[in-house]
């Protein structure tokens, strides 16, 4: 794993255009894998972040695809 494969809460928030609180909620309540740094800090690997996002993507149902 390289240093640039690890992101801070702030970097994740900026990349996904959400608040840092939202990223912390993802970690603390929704299962985004992260490792703690100090009392309130976290680090997230890019692979864990991508897996989290992929698992939450909304995919069109077959009914929706037929209507379009």
C-alpha atoms as a PDB file:
ATOM      1  CA  UNK A   1       0.000   0.000   0.000  1.00  0.00           C
ATOM      2  CA  UNK A   2       1.359   3.394  -0.938  1.00  0.00           C
ATOM      3  CA  UNK A   3       0.932   6.613   1.000  1.00  0.00           C
ATOM      4  CA  UNK A   4      -1.322   8.062  -1.712  1.00  0.00           C
ATOM      5  CA  UNK A   5      -3.684   5.084  -1.263  1.00  0.00           C
ATOM      6  CA  UNK A   6      -4.683   6.446   2.169  1.00  0.00           C
ATOM      7  CA  UNK A   7      -7.100   9.355   2.537  1.00  0.00           C
ATOM      8  CA  UNK A   8      -8.150  11.607   5.396  1.00  0.00           C
ATOM      9  CA  UNK A   9     -11.753  12.344   6.320  1.00  0.00           C
ATOM     10  CA  UNK A  10     -11.305  15.804   4.807  1.00  0.00           C
ATOM     11  CA  UNK A  11     -10.019  14.394   1.506  1.00  0.00           C
ATOM     12  CA  UNK A  12     -12.933  11.955   1.252  1.00  0.00           C
ATOM     13  CA  UNK A  13     -15.411  14.746   2.035  1.00  0.00           C
ATOM     14  CA  UNK A  14     -13.924  16.968  -0.652  1.00  0.00           C
ATOM     15  CA  UNK A  15     -13.857  14.206  -3.252  1.00  0.00           C
ATOM     16  CA  UNK A  16     -17.516  13.254  -2.711  1.00  0.00           C
ATOM     17  CA  UNK A  17     -18.726  16.793  -1.992  1.00  0.00           C
ATOM     18  CA  UNK A  18     -20.128  15.948   1.438  1.00  0.00           C
ATOM     19  CA  UNK A  19     -19.347  17.240   4.913  1.00  0.00           C
ATOM     20  CA  UNK A  20     -16.672  15.758   7.137  1.00  0.00           C
ATOM     21  CA  UNK A  21     -19.495  14.856   9.562  1.00  0.00           C
ATOM     22  CA  UNK A  22     -21.097  12.759   6.828  1.00  0.00           C
ATOM     23  CA  UNK A  23     -17.848  10.864   6.291  1.00  0.00           C
ATOM     24  CA  UNK A  24     -17.541  10.266  10.048  1.00  0.00           C
ATOM     25  CA  UNK A  25     -21.140   8.969  10.064  1.00  0.00           C
ATOM     26  CA  UNK A  26     -20.261   6.598   7.240  1.00  0.00           C
ATOM     27  CA  UNK A  27     -17.414   5.297   9.390  1.00  0.00           C
ATOM     28  CA  UNK A  28     -19.174   5.238  12.765  1.00  0.00           C
ATOM     29  CA  UNK A  29     -22.672   4.156  11.691  1.00  0.00           C
ATOM     30  CA  UNK A  30     -22.664   2.800   8.149  1.00  0.00           C
ATOM     31  CA  UNK A  31     -19.621   0.558   8.002  1.00  0.00           C
ATOM     32  CA  UNK A  32     -17.023   2.466   6.004  1.00  0.00           C
ATOM     33  CA  UNK A  33     -13.810   0.721   6.976  1.00  0.00           C
ATOM     34  CA  UNK A  34     -11.244   3.110   8.467  1.00  0.00           C
ATOM     35  CA  UNK A  35      -8.498   3.028  11.021  1.00  0.00           C
ATOM     36  CA  UNK A  36      -8.341   5.493  13.905  1.00  0.00           C
ATOM     37  CA  UNK A  37      -5.641   8.121  14.255  1.00  0.00           C
ATOM     38  CA  UNK A  38      -5.640   9.898  17.609  1.00  0.00           C
ATOM     39  CA  UNK A  39      -8.926  10.687  19.365  1.00  0.00           C
ATOM     40  CA  UNK A  40     -11.119  11.770  16.423  1.00  0.00           C
ATOM     41  CA  UNK A  41      -9.053  11.194  13.320  1.00  0.00           C
ATOM     42  CA  UNK A  42      -9.450   8.428  10.783  1.00  0.00           C
ATOM     43  CA  UNK A  43      -7.664   7.242   7.688  1.00  0.00           C
ATOM     44  CA  UNK A  44      -9.450   5.463   4.868  1.00  0.00           C
ATOM     45  CA  UNK A  45      -7.856   3.412   2.129  1.00  0.00           C
ATOM     46  CA  UNK A  46      -9.011   4.123  -1.408  1.00  0.00           C
ATOM     47  CA  UNK A  47      -9.904   0.463  -1.912  1.00  0.00           C
ATOM     48  CA  UNK A  48     -12.158   0.440   1.181  1.00  0.00           C
ATOM     49  CA  UNK A  49     -13.772   3.699   0.081  1.00  0.00           C
ATOM     50  CA  UNK A  50     -14.467   2.376  -3.422  1.00  0.00           C
ATOM     51  CA  UNK A  51     -15.941  -0.842  -2.008  1.00  0.00           C
ATOM     52  CA  UNK A  52     -18.208   1.211   0.293  1.00  0.00           C
ATOM     53  CA  UNK A  53     -19.419   3.391  -2.581  1.00  0.00           C
ATOM     54  CA  UNK A  54     -19.942   0.452  -4.956  1.00  0.00           C
ATOM     55  CA  UNK A  55     -22.028  -1.391  -2.357  1.00  0.00           C
ATOM     56  CA  UNK A  56     -24.343   1.622  -2.046  1.00  0.00           C
ATOM     57  CA  UNK A  57     -24.906   2.434  -5.694  1.00  0.00           C
ATOM     58  CA  UNK A  58     -28.521   2.453  -6.760  1.00  0.00           C
ATOM     59  CA  UNK A  59     -28.979   0.244  -9.751  1.00  0.00           C
ATOM     60  CA  UNK A  60     -32.014   0.588 -12.014  1.00  0.00           C
ATOM     61  CA  UNK A  61     -34.464  -2.260 -11.745  1.00  0.00           C
ATOM     62  CA  UNK A  62     -35.440  -4.252 -14.812  1.00  0.00           C
ATOM     63  CA  UNK A  63     -38.891  -2.623 -14.743  1.00  0.00           C
ATOM     64  CA  UNK A  64     -37.350   0.851 -14.907  1.00  0.00           C
ATOM     65  CA  UNK A  65     -35.124  -0.143 -17.836  1.00  0.00           C
ATOM     66  CA  UNK A  66     -38.113  -1.427 -19.831  1.00  0.00           C
ATOM     67  CA  UNK A  67     -40.086   1.809 -19.323  1.00  0.00           C
ATOM     68  CA  UNK A  68     -37.320   4.053 -20.698  1.00  0.00           C
END
